[in-house]
């Protein structure tokens, strides 16, 4: 049987792969594994007077989130946990609230950047950290098993509190660049005078991002912030930035920011409508942290997908890079292991350990805007210091994605293309952690060469792994 958990929780077509019954069972299993329901309580545990522990549940704007959140909450409460359903909120909002409210666990129902029909469930342990593989394996191992569930007064309650949770999260976000000062606890307006466009993908940050940016002083033009349950990521947000690029130019804005459905990632657009990707954003923020003495060990943590151009530019600035597998939880694991303060992915997941335990798109947008204002430079000028080698990425749909690392014909083709590129580029083939795809990437000295290499490899992958 294939693993149920991918690189970012459990995902699939809602009501087919990811059913209400599966959500119920996942809530039940998570209580057993993360809640350690049978373990003795200690004086440090956050336990209600009835002896029950607490869990948070949030979701993005997909219509299927309604029935899945109800089912997940039912599984947790049947296992003896009091569940606080905070409604629609970005994934990093659940991570933050899980930490500051000191609850036993948090859960998010979202498929991030995937199309609306998909959905997913991911868990956060106490402290707001994503689960390691070992914990996901434990949840999967006990899924659907019978156990001594509580009865009577031992079962938990489900309550709803969207407003308090959302405001607490927004206050935190704004405080990262505008600390509360003075006896009246006022906040400065560090983004005053900055006009930008925010594309919320009709997703989970449709309320949070515009409000946080405005509280920080920015003039915000908002697009795609009218979710109806069906339009999340629909030609909007970080996966479809065309509207954002056009709006930035049409309004004469200084920049634009684009989020995905659950707002754990952020990409940007400069004043000319040119995309600024996650690598360039990380470079800008890493240099700023180094300047402020906050870049631990003068090191940025990146993944194998990060452009070679970023690494070369950072090296000239005295900043080292450490590389991990794709997935922001692997980035975080390396950050914790090496005590690094900043890391992320080319896709726009950026983890700023000073303020977050996971990738946070709205936090990234605030921090990036703050650096634009503080530096006195445009986003275009800042991004120009981190040129990207020409790169091409093709997603190849296939039924046996895991064989990409073992298929002889594919590996022979990879060796041939690698030899042709020499030290002027590289190739990377990897199975998607969330979709039936193999991602084929090539970097080269020219765009034409990258396109040609990528095309040749994609054809072989399609032929061999279809």
Protein backbone atom coordinates (compact mmCIF):
# COMPACT_ATOMS: atom_id res chain seq x y z
CA UNK A 1 0.00 0.00 0.00
CA UNK A 2 1.33 3.47 -0.84
CA UNK A 3 1.86 5.92 2.00
CA UNK A 4 -1.20 7.98 2.81
CA UNK A 5 0.81 11.01 3.93
CA UNK A 6 2.70 12.93 1.26
CA UNK A 7 5.14 15.81 1.64
CA UNK A 8 2.39 18.00 3.07
CA UNK A 9 -0.22 15.86 4.78
CA UNK A 10 -2.98 13.75 3.22
CA UNK A 11 -4.37 15.03 -0.08
CA UNK A 12 -6.77 13.84 -2.74
CA UNK A 13 -10.03 14.45 -4.56
CA UNK A 14 -12.52 15.54 -1.92
CA UNK A 15 -15.36 13.08 -1.31
CA UNK A 16 -13.60 10.39 -3.32
CA UNK A 17 -10.03 10.00 -2.10
CA UNK A 18 -10.52 12.22 0.94
CA UNK A 19 -13.92 11.32 2.39
CA UNK A 20 -15.76 12.35 5.53
CA UNK A 21 -15.11 8.87 6.93
CA UNK A 22 -11.37 9.20 6.34
CA UNK A 23 -11.36 12.64 7.99
CA UNK A 24 -13.21 11.18 10.97
CA UNK A 25 -10.69 8.33 11.24
CA UNK A 26 -7.73 10.71 10.89
CA UNK A 27 -9.08 12.85 13.75
CA UNK A 28 -9.51 9.73 15.86
CA UNK A 29 -6.00 8.45 15.06
CA UNK A 30 -4.39 11.85 15.63
CA UNK A 31 -5.86 11.97 19.14
CA UNK A 32 -4.26 8.64 19.94
CA UNK A 33 -0.83 9.54 18.57
CA UNK A 34 -0.44 13.29 19.16
CA UNK A 35 -2.62 13.59 22.22
CA UNK A 36 -1.16 10.59 24.00
CA UNK A 37 -4.62 10.22 25.44
CA UNK A 38 -3.62 7.36 27.72
CA UNK A 39 -0.55 9.12 29.14
CA UNK A 40 -0.65 10.56 32.66
CA UNK A 41 -1.32 14.30 32.78
CA UNK A 42 1.40 16.54 34.19
CA UNK A 43 1.16 19.93 35.83
CA UNK A 44 2.53 21.51 32.64
CA UNK A 45 -0.16 20.06 30.38
CA UNK A 46 -2.87 22.39 29.11
CA UNK A 47 -5.77 20.34 30.46
CA UNK A 48 -9.32 21.47 31.13
CA UNK A 49 -10.87 20.92 34.54
CA UNK A 50 -12.68 17.90 33.07
CA UNK A 51 -9.30 16.39 32.18
CA UNK A 52 -9.68 16.93 28.43
CA UNK A 53 -7.07 18.44 26.13
CA UNK A 54 -7.64 20.81 23.23
CA UNK A 55 -7.16 20.84 19.47
CA UNK A 56 -7.54 23.58 16.84
CA UNK A 57 -9.10 23.03 13.42
CA UNK A 58 -8.98 25.53 10.55
CA UNK A 59 -9.55 25.38 6.80
CA UNK A 60 -9.23 27.21 3.53
CA UNK A 61 -12.19 28.37 1.42
CA UNK A 62 -13.01 25.17 -0.50
CA UNK A 63 -16.64 24.10 -0.22
CA UNK A 64 -15.53 20.60 0.80
CA UNK A 65 -13.86 22.09 3.85
CA UNK A 66 -17.26 22.36 5.51
CA UNK A 67 -17.99 18.66 5.73
CA UNK A 68 -14.36 17.65 6.20
CA UNK A 69 -13.85 20.00 9.17
CA UNK A 70 -17.03 18.69 10.78
CA UNK A 71 -15.86 15.11 10.34
CA UNK A 72 -12.32 15.78 11.55
CA UNK A 73 -13.62 17.64 14.61
CA UNK A 74 -16.01 14.77 15.32
CA UNK A 75 -13.15 12.27 15.30
CA UNK A 76 -11.11 14.39 17.70
CA UNK A 77 -13.97 15.16 20.08
CA UNK A 78 -15.06 11.52 20.11
CA UNK A 79 -11.53 10.77 21.26
CA UNK A 80 -11.99 13.05 24.26
CA UNK A 81 -10.56 16.34 22.98
CA UNK A 82 -12.26 19.71 23.11
CA UNK A 83 -12.00 21.13 19.59
CA UNK A 84 -11.90 24.83 18.71
CA UNK A 85 -12.98 25.33 15.10
CA UNK A 86 -11.51 28.68 14.03
CA UNK A 87 -12.99 28.55 10.53
CA UNK A 88 -11.24 29.96 7.48
CA UNK A 89 -7.67 30.92 8.31
CA UNK A 90 -4.24 30.52 6.64
CA UNK A 91 -2.31 27.36 7.43
CA UNK A 92 0.45 29.32 9.24
CA UNK A 93 -2.29 30.90 11.35
CA UNK A 94 -3.10 27.47 12.77
CA UNK A 95 0.59 26.84 13.40
CA UNK A 96 0.88 30.15 15.28
CA UNK A 97 -2.29 29.65 17.31
CA UNK A 98 -1.35 26.06 18.18
CA UNK A 99 1.80 27.48 19.74
CA UNK A 100 0.48 30.58 21.53
CA UNK A 101 -2.69 28.94 22.82
CA UNK A 102 -0.64 25.96 24.00
CA UNK A 103 -3.09 23.40 22.68
CA UNK A 104 -2.15 19.80 22.14
CA UNK A 105 -2.42 19.86 18.35
CA UNK A 106 -3.70 21.77 15.35
CA UNK A 107 -5.12 20.63 12.03
CA UNK A 108 -5.69 22.39 8.71
CA UNK A 109 -8.03 21.28 5.96
CA UNK A 110 -6.52 22.56 2.73
CA UNK A 111 -4.98 21.46 -0.54
CA UNK A 112 -2.89 24.64 -0.76
CA UNK A 113 -2.25 25.51 -4.43
CA UNK A 114 -4.15 22.50 -5.81
CA UNK A 115 -7.38 22.96 -7.82
CA UNK A 116 -10.65 23.43 -5.92
CA UNK A 117 -11.94 19.81 -6.20
CA UNK A 118 -8.94 18.58 -4.17
CA UNK A 119 -8.55 18.92 -0.45
CA UNK A 120 -6.17 17.78 2.26
CA UNK A 121 -5.53 17.43 5.97
CA UNK A 122 -2.28 18.31 7.72
CA UNK A 123 -1.46 18.26 11.41
CA UNK A 124 0.66 20.39 13.73
CA UNK A 125 2.02 19.10 17.02
CA UNK A 126 2.21 21.09 20.24
CA UNK A 127 4.33 24.18 19.60
CA UNK A 128 3.04 24.60 16.04
CA UNK A 129 5.48 22.32 14.22
CA UNK A 130 4.62 20.07 11.29
CA UNK A 131 4.86 16.38 12.00
CA UNK A 132 7.96 14.33 11.25
CA UNK A 133 7.55 11.25 9.07
CA UNK A 134 7.64 9.00 12.11
CA UNK A 135 4.55 10.60 13.66
CA UNK A 136 2.65 10.46 10.38
CA UNK A 137 3.56 6.78 10.15
CA UNK A 138 2.16 6.23 13.65
CA UNK A 139 -1.11 7.93 12.74
CA UNK A 140 -1.40 5.83 9.61
CA UNK A 141 -0.64 2.66 11.54
CA UNK A 142 -3.54 3.09 14.00
CA UNK A 143 -5.99 4.50 11.45
CA UNK A 144 -9.38 2.82 11.78
CA UNK A 145 -8.32 0.63 14.71
CA UNK A 146 -10.57 0.16 17.70
CA UNK A 147 -9.46 1.45 21.08
CA UNK A 148 -10.90 2.31 24.46
CA UNK A 149 -12.62 5.55 23.51
CA UNK A 150 -14.16 7.72 26.23
CA UNK A 151 -17.90 7.72 26.85
CA UNK A 152 -20.36 9.90 28.69
CA UNK A 153 -18.75 13.00 30.17
CA UNK A 154 -15.39 11.90 28.77
CA UNK A 155 -16.15 12.96 25.20
CA UNK A 156 -15.11 16.41 24.02
CA UNK A 157 -17.00 19.48 22.84
CA UNK A 158 -16.69 21.40 19.57
CA UNK A 159 -16.80 25.20 19.77
CA UNK A 160 -16.41 27.89 17.10
CA UNK A 161 -14.38 31.10 17.38
CA UNK A 162 -13.29 32.68 14.11
CA UNK A 163 -13.06 36.36 15.03
CA UNK A 164 -10.82 36.07 18.09
CA UNK A 165 -8.44 33.65 16.39
CA UNK A 166 -8.17 35.75 13.22
CA UNK A 167 -7.51 38.99 15.10
CA UNK A 168 -4.91 37.35 17.33
CA UNK A 169 -3.09 36.12 14.24
CA UNK A 170 -3.27 39.49 12.45
CA UNK A 171 -1.96 41.28 15.54
CA UNK A 172 1.01 38.91 15.57
CA UNK A 173 1.75 39.47 11.88
CA UNK A 174 1.71 43.26 12.14
CA UNK A 175 3.86 43.18 15.29
CA UNK A 176 6.70 41.48 13.37
CA UNK A 177 7.49 44.73 11.54
CA UNK A 178 5.64 47.25 13.74
CA UNK A 179 6.28 46.41 17.40
CA UNK A 180 3.85 47.90 19.88
CA UNK A 181 5.34 51.02 21.49
CA UNK A 182 4.39 53.65 24.07
CA UNK A 183 2.07 53.66 27.05
CA UNK A 184 -0.99 53.64 24.75
CA UNK A 185 0.37 50.55 22.98
CA UNK A 186 0.30 52.20 19.56
CA UNK A 187 1.99 50.75 16.50
CA UNK A 188 4.14 52.64 14.01
CA UNK A 189 3.22 52.49 10.31
CA UNK A 190 6.39 51.17 8.65
CA UNK A 191 4.72 50.67 5.26
CA UNK A 192 3.25 54.18 5.02
CA UNK A 193 3.52 55.51 1.48
CA UNK A 194 3.82 52.08 -0.14
CA UNK A 195 1.16 51.18 -2.67
CA UNK A 196 0.89 47.54 -3.59
CA UNK A 197 -1.52 45.00 -5.06
CA UNK A 198 -2.39 41.82 -3.11
CA UNK A 199 -3.77 38.77 -4.93
CA UNK A 200 -5.38 36.55 -2.31
CA UNK A 201 -6.27 33.65 -4.67
CA UNK A 202 -9.82 33.68 -3.26
CA UNK A 203 -8.27 31.67 -0.48
CA UNK A 204 -7.63 31.60 3.23
CA UNK A 205 -5.85 34.95 3.51
CA UNK A 206 -8.59 36.96 1.75
CA UNK A 207 -9.26 38.76 5.04
CA UNK A 208 -5.93 38.40 6.84
CA UNK A 209 -3.42 39.72 4.27
CA UNK A 210 -5.23 42.92 3.25
CA UNK A 211 -5.96 43.78 6.89
CA UNK A 212 -2.40 43.09 8.08
CA UNK A 213 -0.84 45.12 5.26
CA UNK A 214 -3.19 48.03 5.86
CA UNK A 215 -2.60 48.03 9.61
CA UNK A 216 1.11 48.26 8.80
CA UNK A 217 0.41 51.42 6.80
CA UNK A 218 0.37 50.25 3.19
CA UNK A 219 -2.13 51.33 0.56
CA UNK A 220 -3.47 47.97 -0.61
CA UNK A 221 -5.33 47.25 -3.82
CA UNK A 222 -6.93 43.84 -3.34
CA UNK A 223 -7.86 41.34 -6.05
CA UNK A 224 -9.28 37.82 -5.85
CA UNK A 225 -10.45 38.14 -2.26
CA UNK A 226 -14.10 37.12 -2.73
CA UNK A 227 -14.14 33.37 -2.04
CA UNK A 228 -17.36 31.51 -2.81
CA UNK A 229 -16.21 27.97 -2.08
CA UNK A 230 -15.48 27.22 -5.71
CA UNK A 231 -13.06 29.88 -7.01
CA UNK A 232 -9.97 29.21 -4.87
CA UNK A 233 -6.81 29.31 -7.04
CA UNK A 234 -9.01 29.71 -10.14
CA UNK A 235 -6.76 31.72 -12.49
CA UNK A 236 -5.63 33.64 -9.43
CA UNK A 237 -2.88 33.78 -6.84
CA UNK A 238 0.68 32.52 -6.95
CA UNK A 239 0.00 29.81 -9.54
CA UNK A 240 -1.72 32.24 -11.94
CA UNK A 241 -0.13 35.69 -11.44
CA UNK A 242 -1.25 37.23 -14.75
CA UNK A 243 -3.99 39.36 -13.16
CA UNK A 244 -1.58 40.61 -10.52
CA UNK A 245 1.06 41.54 -13.08
CA UNK A 246 -1.47 43.51 -15.13
CA UNK A 247 -2.97 45.24 -12.08
CA UNK A 248 0.41 46.38 -10.73
CA UNK A 249 1.21 48.06 -14.03
CA UNK A 250 -2.29 49.50 -14.49
CA UNK A 251 -2.36 51.09 -11.04
CA UNK A 252 1.22 52.32 -10.96
CA UNK A 253 1.84 50.31 -7.80
CA UNK A 254 5.31 49.81 -6.40
CA UNK A 255 4.89 46.02 -6.28
CA UNK A 256 2.47 43.16 -5.91
CA UNK A 257 2.26 40.02 -3.78
CA UNK A 258 0.49 36.76 -4.63
CA UNK A 259 -0.58 34.03 -2.22
CA UNK A 260 -1.71 30.45 -2.72
CA UNK A 261 -4.93 28.94 -1.39
CA UNK A 262 -3.78 28.41 2.19
CA UNK A 263 -1.32 31.34 2.19
CA UNK A 264 1.76 29.47 3.30
CA UNK A 265 3.62 30.82 0.27
CA UNK A 266 4.11 34.20 -1.36
CA UNK A 267 5.52 35.33 -4.69
CA UNK A 268 5.99 38.94 -5.76
CA UNK A 269 5.80 41.23 -8.80
CA UNK A 270 7.94 44.33 -9.33
CA UNK A 271 6.72 47.67 -10.69
CA UNK A 272 7.17 46.49 -14.28
CA UNK A 273 5.01 43.41 -13.71
CA UNK A 274 8.03 41.09 -13.68
CA UNK A 275 7.80 38.07 -11.37
CA UNK A 276 10.08 37.88 -8.34
CA UNK A 277 10.26 34.25 -7.26
CA UNK A 278 10.91 32.61 -3.92
CA UNK A 279 14.66 32.35 -4.51
CA UNK A 280 14.96 36.08 -5.08
CA UNK A 281 12.72 36.84 -2.10
CA UNK A 282 14.88 34.61 0.11
CA UNK A 283 18.01 36.32 -1.18
CA UNK A 284 16.61 39.77 -0.37
CA UNK A 285 15.53 38.71 3.12
CA UNK A 286 18.75 36.80 3.85
CA UNK A 287 20.87 39.84 2.98
CA UNK A 288 18.65 42.04 5.19
CA UNK A 289 18.94 39.62 8.11
CA UNK A 290 22.70 39.44 7.71
CA UNK A 291 22.87 43.23 7.75
CA UNK A 292 20.89 43.25 11.00
CA UNK A 293 22.95 40.46 12.56
CA UNK A 294 19.96 38.09 12.59
CA UNK A 295 21.02 35.54 9.95
CA UNK A 296 22.26 32.72 12.17
CA UNK A 297 25.63 31.35 11.04
CA UNK A 298 25.33 33.59 7.93
CA UNK A 299 23.45 30.71 6.31
CA UNK A 300 20.27 30.33 4.27
CA UNK A 301 18.58 26.92 4.02
CA UNK A 302 17.29 26.11 0.51
CA UNK A 303 16.05 23.03 -1.37
CA UNK A 304 17.40 21.16 -4.38
CA UNK A 305 15.02 23.25 -6.54
CA UNK A 306 16.67 26.57 -5.72
CA UNK A 307 18.39 28.22 -8.67
CA UNK A 308 22.15 28.01 -8.89
CA UNK A 309 22.15 31.78 -9.47
CA UNK A 310 20.88 32.38 -5.94
CA UNK A 311 23.69 30.35 -4.41
CA UNK A 312 26.36 32.12 -6.45
CA UNK A 313 25.00 35.59 -5.58
CA UNK A 314 24.80 34.78 -1.88
CA UNK A 315 28.33 33.39 -1.88
CA UNK A 316 29.61 36.76 -3.13
CA UNK A 317 27.76 38.39 -0.20
CA UNK A 318 29.37 36.12 2.37
CA UNK A 319 26.22 34.03 2.87
CA UNK A 320 26.39 30.25 2.83
CA UNK A 321 23.62 27.89 1.69
CA UNK A 322 22.58 24.49 3.04
CA UNK A 323 20.46 22.30 0.76
CA UNK A 324 17.57 19.93 1.63
CA UNK A 325 14.96 17.85 -0.15
CA UNK A 326 11.85 19.63 -1.43
CA UNK A 327 9.25 20.37 1.25
CA UNK A 328 9.15 23.16 3.79
CA UNK A 329 9.07 20.70 6.69
CA UNK A 330 12.45 19.34 5.53
CA UNK A 331 13.72 22.90 5.37
CA UNK A 332 12.51 23.47 8.94
CA UNK A 333 14.07 20.23 10.17
CA UNK A 334 17.45 21.40 8.85
CA UNK A 335 16.92 24.86 10.32
CA UNK A 336 16.26 23.38 13.75
CA UNK A 337 19.16 20.95 13.44
CA UNK A 338 21.65 23.67 12.51
CA UNK A 339 20.02 26.56 14.42
CA UNK A 340 19.46 28.53 11.23
CA UNK A 341 17.05 31.46 11.18
CA UNK A 342 15.87 31.63 7.54
CA UNK A 343 15.05 29.10 4.86
CA UNK A 344 12.57 28.22 2.18
CA UNK A 345 11.72 27.17 -1.33
CA UNK A 346 11.70 28.67 -4.81
CA UNK A 347 7.91 28.22 -4.83
CA UNK A 348 7.56 30.94 -2.21
CA UNK A 349 7.52 29.01 1.05
CA UNK A 350 9.72 31.10 3.34
CA UNK A 351 10.29 30.18 7.00
CA UNK A 352 11.38 33.00 9.27
CA UNK A 353 12.12 31.25 12.56
CA UNK A 354 12.18 34.52 14.45
CA UNK A 355 8.41 34.72 14.07
CA UNK A 356 7.05 31.43 12.69
CA UNK A 357 7.34 27.65 12.77
CA UNK A 358 6.30 27.14 9.16
CA UNK A 359 6.11 28.94 5.83
CA UNK A 360 3.91 32.03 6.13
CA UNK A 361 3.00 33.94 2.96
CA UNK A 362 1.52 36.98 4.69
CA UNK A 363 4.54 37.27 6.99
CA UNK A 364 6.81 37.03 3.94
CA UNK A 365 4.85 39.78 2.18
CA UNK A 366 5.07 42.09 5.20
CA UNK A 367 8.79 41.45 5.63
CA UNK A 368 9.53 41.95 1.95
CA UNK A 369 7.53 45.18 1.80
CA UNK A 370 9.32 46.39 4.92
CA UNK A 371 12.70 45.78 3.29
CA UNK A 372 11.63 47.71 0.18
CA UNK A 373 10.70 50.70 2.32
CA UNK A 374 13.73 50.49 4.63
CA UNK A 375 16.24 50.07 1.80
CA UNK A 376 14.89 52.97 -0.23
CA UNK A 377 15.18 50.75 -3.31
CA UNK A 378 12.50 49.34 -5.57
CA UNK A 379 11.73 45.65 -5.57
CA UNK A 380 13.13 45.52 -9.09
CA UNK A 381 16.47 46.89 -7.87
CA UNK A 382 16.60 44.49 -4.92
CA UNK A 383 15.75 41.44 -7.03
CA UNK A 384 18.35 42.36 -9.68
CA UNK A 385 21.08 41.45 -7.20
CA UNK A 386 19.93 37.81 -7.38
CA UNK A 387 19.92 36.93 -11.10
CA UNK A 388 18.55 33.53 -12.01
CA UNK A 389 20.16 31.09 -14.40
CA UNK A 390 17.75 30.20 -17.21
CA UNK A 391 15.53 27.42 -15.90
CA UNK A 392 12.72 25.28 -17.26
CA UNK A 393 10.33 23.10 -15.25
CA UNK A 394 7.90 20.62 -16.79
CA UNK A 395 5.36 18.54 -14.91
CA UNK A 396 4.91 15.11 -16.49
CA UNK A 397 1.78 13.20 -15.51
CA UNK A 398 2.52 9.51 -15.00
CA UNK A 399 1.17 6.48 -13.18
CA UNK A 400 4.46 5.32 -11.65
CA UNK A 401 6.15 8.50 -10.45
CA UNK A 402 8.36 6.76 -7.86
CA UNK A 403 10.16 4.80 -10.59
CA UNK A 404 11.83 7.98 -11.80
CA UNK A 405 14.80 7.22 -9.54
CA UNK A 406 15.17 3.56 -10.62
CA UNK A 407 14.16 3.36 -14.28
CA UNK A 408 17.29 2.56 -16.29
CA UNK A 409 16.32 4.50 -19.43
CA UNK A 410 15.45 7.61 -17.43
CA UNK A 411 18.67 7.48 -15.44
CA UNK A 412 20.75 6.99 -18.60
CA UNK A 413 19.12 10.09 -20.12
CA UNK A 414 19.82 12.10 -16.95
CA UNK A 415 23.50 11.11 -17.04
CA UNK A 416 23.76 12.09 -20.71
CA UNK A 417 22.18 15.53 -20.22
CA UNK A 418 24.24 16.19 -17.10
CA UNK A 419 27.43 15.46 -19.01
CA UNK A 420 26.37 17.81 -21.81
CA UNK A 421 25.71 20.68 -19.38
CA UNK A 422 28.94 20.22 -17.44
CA UNK A 423 29.46 22.97 -14.86
CA UNK A 424 27.18 25.45 -16.67
CA UNK A 425 23.93 23.90 -15.48
CA UNK A 426 22.17 20.94 -13.92
CA UNK A 427 19.09 18.70 -14.19
CA UNK A 428 16.76 17.45 -11.49
CA UNK A 429 13.95 14.89 -11.69
CA UNK A 430 11.75 14.24 -8.69
CA UNK A 431 8.30 12.79 -7.99
CA UNK A 432 5.70 15.25 -6.69
CA UNK A 433 4.75 14.66 -3.09
CA UNK A 434 1.11 15.65 -3.62
CA UNK A 435 0.18 14.85 -7.24
CA UNK A 436 0.74 12.01 -9.79
CA UNK A 437 3.51 13.96 -11.45
CA UNK A 438 7.25 13.86 -12.08
CA UNK A 439 8.81 17.31 -12.02
CA UNK A 440 11.56 17.68 -14.65
CA UNK A 441 13.83 20.68 -14.17
CA UNK A 442 16.84 21.92 -16.14
CA UNK A 443 19.14 24.91 -15.65
CA UNK A 444 21.56 25.99 -18.34
CA UNK A 445 23.56 28.91 -19.68
CA UNK A 446 20.75 29.89 -22.07
CA UNK A 447 16.98 29.53 -21.96
CA UNK A 448 16.96 27.66 -25.26
CA UNK A 449 19.36 25.07 -23.92
CA UNK A 450 17.35 24.64 -20.70
CA UNK A 451 14.14 24.24 -22.73
CA UNK A 452 15.70 21.65 -25.04
CA UNK A 453 17.18 19.58 -22.21
CA UNK A 454 13.92 19.68 -20.28
CA UNK A 455 11.91 18.70 -23.34
CA UNK A 456 14.10 15.69 -24.12
CA UNK A 457 13.96 14.43 -20.53
CA UNK A 458 10.19 15.00 -20.23
CA UNK A 459 9.53 12.90 -23.32
CA UNK A 460 11.56 9.99 -21.94
CA UNK A 461 9.83 10.20 -18.56
CA UNK A 462 6.42 10.19 -20.27
CA UNK A 463 7.35 7.19 -22.40
CA UNK A 464 8.85 5.14 -19.57
CA UNK A 465 6.56 5.97 -16.64
CA UNK A 466 3.16 6.57 -18.28
